[in-house]
Protein backbone atom coordinates (compact mmCIF):
# COMPACT_ATOMS: atom_id res chain seq x y z
CA MET A 1 127.27 152.88 93.99
CA PRO A 2 124.63 155.62 95.39
CA MET A 3 121.10 156.25 93.35
CA SER A 4 121.07 160.02 91.88
CA GLN A 5 118.50 162.49 92.18
CA THR A 6 117.46 162.35 88.55
CA ASP A 7 117.55 158.65 89.14
CA LEU A 8 115.09 159.23 92.03
CA GLU A 9 112.83 161.49 90.73
CA ALA A 10 112.34 159.37 87.76
CA ALA A 11 111.62 156.15 89.58
CA LEU A 12 109.02 158.46 91.82
CA ARG A 13 107.34 159.51 88.56
CA GLU A 14 107.14 156.18 87.25
CA GLY A 15 105.24 154.83 90.21
CA PHE A 16 103.25 157.97 90.70
CA PRO A 17 102.69 160.16 87.59
CA ASP A 18 99.95 162.26 88.73
CA ALA A 19 101.98 163.33 91.66
CA GLN A 20 103.73 166.38 92.93
CA ILE A 21 107.24 165.15 93.89
CA GLU A 22 110.05 167.35 95.42
CA VAL A 23 112.97 165.43 95.71
CA GLN A 24 116.23 167.00 98.16
CA ASP A 25 119.64 165.64 98.76
CA LEU A 26 120.08 166.26 102.65
CA ALA A 27 124.01 165.22 102.74
CA GLY A 28 125.42 165.92 98.98
CA ASP A 29 126.57 162.87 98.80
CA GLY A 30 123.73 160.97 96.65
CA ASP A 31 123.23 158.57 99.56
CA HIS A 32 120.53 160.60 101.83
CA TYR A 33 117.43 162.18 100.53
CA ARG A 34 114.05 163.56 101.33
CA ALA A 35 111.04 162.76 99.07
CA ARG A 36 108.00 164.95 99.53
CA ILE A 37 105.15 162.99 97.32
CA VAL A 38 101.19 164.61 97.30
CA SER A 39 99.57 162.07 95.02
CA PRO A 40 95.89 160.85 94.51
CA ALA A 41 96.95 157.53 95.11
CA PHE A 42 97.45 157.82 98.80
CA LYS A 43 93.70 159.27 99.52
CA GLY A 44 91.98 157.41 102.28
CA LEU A 45 95.18 155.14 103.31
CA PRO A 46 97.21 155.46 106.44
CA ARG A 47 101.10 156.73 106.46
CA VAL A 48 102.20 153.32 106.66
CA ARG A 49 100.51 152.02 103.81
CA GLN A 50 101.70 155.21 101.74
CA HIS A 51 105.55 154.72 102.31
CA GLN A 52 104.77 151.06 101.15
CA LEU A 53 103.34 152.18 97.79
CA VAL A 54 106.82 154.33 97.28
CA TYR A 55 109.23 151.56 98.49
CA ALA A 56 107.31 149.11 95.88
CA ALA A 57 107.66 152.07 93.25
CA LEU A 58 111.58 151.78 93.90
CA LYS A 59 111.57 148.22 93.22
CA GLY A 60 114.43 147.09 96.40
CA LYS A 61 116.59 150.22 95.66
CA VAL A 62 116.43 151.11 99.45
CA GLY A 63 119.21 149.96 101.21
CA GLY A 64 120.90 148.68 98.31
CA GLU A 65 121.37 151.78 95.62
CA LEU A 66 119.04 154.20 98.14
CA HIS A 67 120.73 154.29 101.58
CA ALA A 68 117.98 156.76 103.27
CA LEU A 69 115.27 158.19 102.36
CA ALA A 70 113.14 159.99 104.53
CA LEU A 71 109.47 160.79 103.03
CA GLU A 72 106.81 162.46 103.45
CA THR A 73 103.20 161.56 102.01
CA SER A 74 99.93 162.75 101.66
CA PRO A 75 97.00 163.07 99.04
CA PRO A 76 96.35 166.29 97.83
CA ALA A 77 94.33 168.67 99.97
């Protein structure tokens, strides 16, 4: 069963409570999303590590409930 946009946003906000988060459903099917996350947790980290933190916050849902997630991550400017 696909993950709703609301559930995805809630999981990201739980993992990154101090972040600016924007989620967009790319295909309207609940399976393909883009998430932009700006969080102090990403400061000084390479992009790969930032994405690993996002995947960890989603607790194994990527590849299961969540089919595709395009990520844009960065620390605050």
